[in-house]
């Protein structure tokens, strides 16, 4: 099964490299920081989509 264009062996290699770089003790902190970053990115993109464009709302043209 391929997830994100990567097969099983590729994910295993990436996991081993991450464990070597960060160590087993830091993995929960790294995972939490990554999750928080993704959450903040999603919130920022949905807020941007919800805000009306100031040029469209005022009817002004930049030309």
Protein backbone atom coordinates (compact mmCIF):
# COMPACT_ATOMS: atom_id res chain seq x y z
CA UNK A 1 0.00 0.00 0.00
CA UNK A 2 1.39 3.36 -1.00
CA UNK A 3 0.64 6.42 1.10
CA UNK A 4 1.77 9.79 -0.16
CA UNK A 5 3.80 8.17 -2.93
CA UNK A 6 5.91 6.24 -0.41
CA UNK A 7 5.88 2.49 0.14
CA UNK A 8 6.39 0.55 3.35
CA UNK A 9 10.19 0.40 3.17
CA UNK A 10 10.47 4.13 2.58
CA UNK A 11 8.37 4.88 5.68
CA UNK A 12 10.49 2.49 7.76
CA UNK A 13 13.69 4.21 6.61
CA UNK A 14 12.23 7.65 7.38
CA UNK A 15 11.13 6.47 10.84
CA UNK A 16 14.60 5.08 11.61
CA UNK A 17 16.23 8.36 10.53
CA UNK A 18 13.82 10.37 12.69
CA UNK A 19 14.57 8.16 15.70
CA UNK A 20 18.30 8.57 15.15
CA UNK A 21 18.07 12.35 14.78
CA UNK A 22 15.62 13.16 17.59
CA UNK A 23 15.91 10.14 19.87
CA UNK A 24 13.08 8.12 21.33
CA UNK A 25 12.51 10.52 24.23
CA UNK A 26 11.86 13.53 21.99
CA UNK A 27 9.41 11.85 19.60
CA UNK A 28 6.26 12.75 21.59
CA UNK A 29 7.35 16.40 21.74
CA UNK A 30 8.15 16.45 18.02
CA UNK A 31 4.78 14.85 17.22
CA UNK A 32 2.90 17.33 19.39
CA UNK A 33 4.71 20.29 17.83
CA UNK A 34 3.99 18.98 14.34
CA UNK A 35 0.32 18.47 15.16
CA UNK A 36 0.03 21.96 16.61
CA UNK A 37 1.71 23.46 13.54
CA UNK A 38 -0.68 21.67 11.19
CA UNK A 39 -3.66 22.75 13.32
CA UNK A 40 -2.56 26.41 13.28
CA UNK A 41 -1.97 26.27 9.53
CA UNK A 42 -5.47 24.90 8.92
CA UNK A 43 -7.02 27.57 11.16
CA UNK A 44 -5.11 30.32 9.36
CA UNK A 45 -6.16 29.08 5.93
CA UNK A 46 -9.82 28.74 6.89
CA UNK A 47 -9.83 32.21 8.46
CA UNK A 48 -8.33 33.64 5.28
CA UNK A 49 -11.01 31.94 3.19
CA UNK A 50 -13.76 33.27 5.48
CA UNK A 51 -12.61 36.91 5.32
CA UNK A 52 -14.02 38.93 2.43
CA UNK A 53 -11.52 40.55 0.11
CA UNK A 54 -11.25 44.26 1.01
CA UNK A 55 -11.09 45.30 -2.65
CA UNK A 56 -14.27 43.43 -3.52
CA UNK A 57 -16.20 44.69 -0.52
CA UNK A 58 -15.44 48.38 -1.12
CA UNK A 59 -15.87 48.22 -4.87
CA UNK A 60 -12.57 49.97 -5.47
CA UNK A 61 -10.44 49.22 -8.50
CA UNK A 62 -6.67 49.33 -8.40
CA UNK A 63 -6.43 50.46 -12.02
